[in-house]
Amino acid sequence: MQKITSGIELKDAIRLLEEKQAVQELVLKKEFFKVVESIKPGNILKNSFSHMVSSPYLIRNILSATTGLAAGYLSNKTFVGISANLLNNLLGKLLQAGITALNSRNPETFKSHNRLFQWRAFSKRKALS
């Protein structure tokens, strides 16, 4: 900063500093209101949801979970069928839980086995037709 030698220079320096202070005050107020808006519960939920939806792994995780649940359910229904036997129902539920857990840990293995199973099933149907 330069040395101020006269009253006019002092008044100019004070005016410049007051203008700078006014601008900084406006910026600070804008930032304060942005923070107040961002901490409202509705905005927190909305921002969290938008971050969650924009995640690139979300759809893959949902598909993995869905295929795991479907594979477990289908294996249960295939193994147990419509049985009233308590032991068969228990074994079916355990099988369903195990297959669902395995698929959630390693979905790629199940995808490759599923493709192989579908290929074999559909190729046999075509051969029989």
C-alpha atoms as a PDB file:
ATOM      1  CA  MET A   1       0.000   0.000   0.000  1.00  0.00           C
ATOM      2  CA  GLN A   2       1.217   3.521  -0.758  1.00  0.00           C
ATOM      3  CA  LYS A   3       1.942   6.143   1.867  1.00  0.00           C
ATOM      4  CA  ILE A   4      -0.909   8.567   2.293  1.00  0.00           C
ATOM      5  CA  THR A   5       0.356  12.124   2.545  1.00  0.00           C
ATOM      6  CA  SER A   6      -2.741  14.296   2.234  1.00  0.00           C
ATOM      7  CA  GLY A   7      -6.303  14.419   3.483  1.00  0.00           C
ATOM      8  CA  ILE A   8      -7.692  13.892  -0.024  1.00  0.00           C
ATOM      9  CA  GLU A   9      -5.668  10.688  -0.446  1.00  0.00           C
ATOM     10  CA  LEU A  10      -6.865   9.557   2.969  1.00  0.00           C
ATOM     11  CA  LYS A  11     -10.516  10.137   2.017  1.00  0.00           C
ATOM     12  CA  ASP A  12     -10.010   8.269  -1.287  1.00  0.00           C
ATOM     13  CA  ALA A  13      -8.378   5.347   0.509  1.00  0.00           C
ATOM     14  CA  ILE A  14     -11.218   5.219   3.058  1.00  0.00           C
ATOM     15  CA  ARG A  15     -13.828   5.310   0.283  1.00  0.00           C
ATOM     16  CA  LEU A  16     -12.090   2.488  -1.603  1.00  0.00           C
ATOM     17  CA  LEU A  17     -11.891   0.393   1.548  1.00  0.00           C
ATOM     18  CA  GLU A  18     -15.578   1.046   2.314  1.00  0.00           C
ATOM     19  CA  GLU A  19     -16.546  -0.033  -1.226  1.00  0.00           C
ATOM     20  CA  LYS A  20     -14.419  -3.149  -0.897  1.00  0.00           C
ATOM     21  CA  GLN A  21     -16.057  -3.880   2.471  1.00  0.00           C
ATOM     22  CA  ALA A  22     -19.543  -3.452   0.964  1.00  0.00           C
ATOM     23  CA  VAL A  23     -18.748  -5.874  -1.876  1.00  0.00           C
ATOM     24  CA  GLN A  24     -17.319  -8.423   0.558  1.00  0.00           C
ATOM     25  CA  GLU A  25     -20.396  -8.043   2.755  1.00  0.00           C
ATOM     26  CA  LEU A  26     -22.692  -8.815  -0.194  1.00  0.00           C
ATOM     27  CA  VAL A  27     -20.623 -11.882  -1.129  1.00  0.00           C
ATOM     28  CA  LEU A  28     -20.675 -13.057   2.484  1.00  0.00           C
ATOM     29  CA  LYS A  29     -24.464 -12.643   2.698  1.00  0.00           C
ATOM     30  CA  LYS A  30     -24.960 -14.625  -0.530  1.00  0.00           C
ATOM     31  CA  GLU A  31     -22.738 -17.433   0.761  1.00  0.00           C
ATOM     32  CA  PHE A  32     -24.565 -17.422   4.099  1.00  0.00           C
ATOM     33  CA  PHE A  33     -27.957 -17.838   2.425  1.00  0.00           C
ATOM     34  CA  LYS A  34     -26.581 -20.609   0.211  1.00  0.00           C
ATOM     35  CA  VAL A  35     -25.392 -22.466   3.310  1.00  0.00           C
ATOM     36  CA  VAL A  36     -28.739 -21.928   5.047  1.00  0.00           C
ATOM     37  CA  GLU A  37     -30.551 -23.341   1.999  1.00  0.00           C
ATOM     38  CA  SER A  38     -28.213 -26.308   1.738  1.00  0.00           C
ATOM     39  CA  ILE A  39     -28.725 -27.415   5.357  1.00  0.00           C
ATOM     40  CA  LYS A  40     -32.507 -27.550   5.160  1.00  0.00           C
ATOM     41  CA  PRO A  41     -33.639 -31.165   5.616  1.00  0.00           C
ATOM     42  CA  GLY A  42     -35.521 -31.244   2.310  1.00  0.00           C
ATOM     43  CA  ASN A  43     -32.508 -30.031   0.380  1.00  0.00           C
ATOM     44  CA  ILE A  44     -30.196 -32.470   2.175  1.00  0.00           C
ATOM     45  CA  LEU A  45     -32.461 -35.361   1.169  1.00  0.00           C
ATOM     46  CA  LYS A  46     -32.798 -34.091  -2.389  1.00  0.00           C
ATOM     47  CA  ASN A  47     -29.029 -33.673  -2.798  1.00  0.00           C
ATOM     48  CA  SER A  48     -28.322 -37.070  -1.257  1.00  0.00           C
ATOM     49  CA  PHE A  49     -30.828 -38.731  -3.559  1.00  0.00           C
ATOM     50  CA  SER A  50     -29.454 -36.995  -6.646  1.00  0.00           C
ATOM     51  CA  HIS A  51     -25.900 -38.074  -5.733  1.00  0.00           C
ATOM     52  CA  MET A  52     -27.089 -41.624  -5.158  1.00  0.00           C
ATOM     53  CA  VAL A  53     -28.948 -41.793  -8.465  1.00  0.00           C
ATOM     54  CA  SER A  54     -26.051 -40.340 -10.414  1.00  0.00           C
ATOM     55  CA  SER A  55     -23.700 -43.055  -9.115  1.00  0.00           C
ATOM     56  CA  PRO A  56     -22.417 -45.161 -12.040  1.00  0.00           C
ATOM     57  CA  TYR A  57     -22.495 -48.343  -9.956  1.00  0.00           C
ATOM     58  CA  LEU A  58     -26.103 -47.998  -8.792  1.00  0.00           C
ATOM     59  CA  ILE A  59     -27.769 -49.702 -11.748  1.00  0.00           C
ATOM     60  CA  ARG A  60     -25.188 -52.491 -11.761  1.00  0.00           C
ATOM     61  CA  ASN A  61     -25.718 -53.057  -8.024  1.00  0.00           C
ATOM     62  CA  ILE A  62     -29.494 -53.066  -8.407  1.00  0.00           C
ATOM     63  CA  LEU A  63     -29.272 -55.559 -11.275  1.00  0.00           C
ATOM     64  CA  SER A  64     -26.919 -57.787  -9.299  1.00  0.00           C
ATOM     65  CA  ALA A  65     -29.216 -57.772  -6.294  1.00  0.00           C
ATOM     66  CA  THR A  66     -32.257 -58.437  -8.465  1.00  0.00           C
ATOM     67  CA  THR A  67     -30.641 -61.333 -10.290  1.00  0.00           C
ATOM     68  CA  GLY A  68     -29.443 -62.755  -6.979  1.00  0.00           C
ATOM     69  CA  LEU A  69     -32.905 -62.617  -5.477  1.00  0.00           C
ATOM     70  CA  ALA A  70     -34.451 -64.078  -8.625  1.00  0.00           C
ATOM     71  CA  ALA A  71     -31.900 -66.909  -8.797  1.00  0.00           C
ATOM     72  CA  GLY A  72     -32.482 -67.727  -5.137  1.00  0.00           C
ATOM     73  CA  TYR A  73     -36.245 -67.663  -5.527  1.00  0.00           C
ATOM     74  CA  LEU A  74     -36.178 -69.807  -8.670  1.00  0.00           C
ATOM     75  CA  SER A  75     -33.841 -72.338  -7.068  1.00  0.00           C
ATOM     76  CA  ASN A  76     -36.134 -72.520  -4.047  1.00  0.00           C
ATOM     77  CA  LYS A  77     -39.204 -73.062  -6.216  1.00  0.00           C
ATOM     78  CA  THR A  78     -37.367 -75.615  -8.370  1.00  0.00           C
ATOM     79  CA  PHE A  79     -36.071 -77.563  -5.401  1.00  0.00           C
ATOM     80  CA  VAL A  80     -39.143 -77.395  -3.179  1.00  0.00           C
ATOM     81  CA  GLY A  81     -41.967 -76.853  -5.635  1.00  0.00           C
ATOM     82  CA  ILE A  82     -45.310 -76.775  -3.872  1.00  0.00           C
ATOM     83  CA  SER A  83     -44.428 -78.992  -0.962  1.00  0.00           C
ATOM     84  CA  ALA A  84     -45.995 -79.056   2.460  1.00  0.00           C
ATOM     85  CA  ASN A  85     -42.990 -80.900   3.868  1.00  0.00           C
ATOM     86  CA  LEU A  86     -41.336 -78.781   6.550  1.00  0.00           C
ATOM     87  CA  LEU A  87     -37.839 -80.177   5.909  1.00  0.00           C
ATOM     88  CA  ASN A  88     -38.061 -79.495   2.172  1.00  0.00           C
ATOM     89  CA  ASN A  89     -39.276 -75.956   2.838  1.00  0.00           C
ATOM     90  CA  LEU A  90     -36.407 -75.327   5.250  1.00  0.00           C
ATOM     91  CA  LEU A  91     -33.830 -76.717   2.820  1.00  0.00           C
ATOM     92  CA  GLY A  92     -35.355 -74.624   0.041  1.00  0.00           C
ATOM     93  CA  LYS A  93     -35.126 -71.450   2.120  1.00  0.00           C
ATOM     94  CA  LEU A  94     -31.500 -72.225   2.985  1.00  0.00           C
ATOM     95  CA  LEU A  95     -30.733 -72.889  -0.666  1.00  0.00           C
ATOM     96  CA  GLN A  96     -32.419 -69.631  -1.645  1.00  0.00           C
ATOM     97  CA  ALA A  97     -30.443 -67.640   0.955  1.00  0.00           C
ATOM     98  CA  GLY A  98     -27.184 -69.292  -0.076  1.00  0.00           C
ATOM     99  CA  ILE A  99     -27.634 -68.687  -3.784  1.00  0.00           C
ATOM    100  CA  THR A 100     -28.698 -65.086  -3.177  1.00  0.00           C
ATOM    101  CA  ALA A 101     -25.628 -64.471  -0.992  1.00  0.00           C
ATOM    102  CA  LEU A 102     -23.280 -66.113  -3.501  1.00  0.00           C
ATOM    103  CA  ASN A 103     -24.717 -64.100  -6.352  1.00  0.00           C
ATOM    104  CA  SER A 104     -24.387 -60.836  -4.456  1.00  0.00           C
ATOM    105  CA  ARG A 105     -20.702 -61.567  -3.787  1.00  0.00           C
ATOM    106  CA  ASN A 106     -19.809 -62.764  -7.300  1.00  0.00           C
ATOM    107  CA  PRO A 107     -22.476 -61.830  -9.872  1.00  0.00           C
ATOM    108  CA  GLU A 108     -20.248 -62.409 -12.906  1.00  0.00           C
ATOM    109  CA  THR A 109     -20.053 -66.156 -12.221  1.00  0.00           C
ATOM    110  CA  PHE A 110     -23.815 -66.419 -12.082  1.00  0.00           C
ATOM    111  CA  LYS A 111     -24.195 -64.421 -15.279  1.00  0.00           C
ATOM    112  CA  SER A 112     -21.894 -66.784 -17.174  1.00  0.00           C
ATOM    113  CA  HIS A 113     -23.626 -69.877 -15.715  1.00  0.00           C
ATOM    114  CA  ASN A 114     -27.010 -68.372 -16.527  1.00  0.00           C
ATOM    115  CA  ARG A 115     -26.004 -67.786 -20.152  1.00  0.00           C
ATOM    116  CA  LEU A 116     -24.720 -71.350 -20.414  1.00  0.00           C
ATOM    117  CA  PHE A 117     -27.925 -72.713 -18.852  1.00  0.00           C
ATOM    118  CA  GLN A 118     -30.107 -70.656 -21.207  1.00  0.00           C
ATOM    119  CA  TRP A 119     -28.087 -71.743 -24.220  1.00  0.00           C
ATOM    120  CA  ARG A 120     -28.433 -75.415 -23.262  1.00  0.00           C
ATOM    121  CA  ALA A 121     -32.123 -75.109 -22.451  1.00  0.00           C
ATOM    122  CA  PHE A 122     -33.008 -73.312 -25.672  1.00  0.00           C
ATOM    123  CA  SER A 123     -30.799 -75.485 -27.870  1.00  0.00           C
ATOM    124  CA  LYS A 124     -32.544 -78.636 -26.525  1.00  0.00           C
ATOM    125  CA  ARG A 125     -35.962 -77.127 -27.212  1.00  0.00           C
ATOM    126  CA  LYS A 126     -34.982 -76.321 -30.785  1.00  0.00           C
ATOM    127  CA  ALA A 127     -33.625 -79.831 -31.290  1.00  0.00           C
ATOM    128  CA  LEU A 128     -36.871 -81.338 -30.003  1.00  0.00           C
ATOM    129  CA  SER A 129     -39.044 -79.202 -32.264  1.00  0.00           C
END
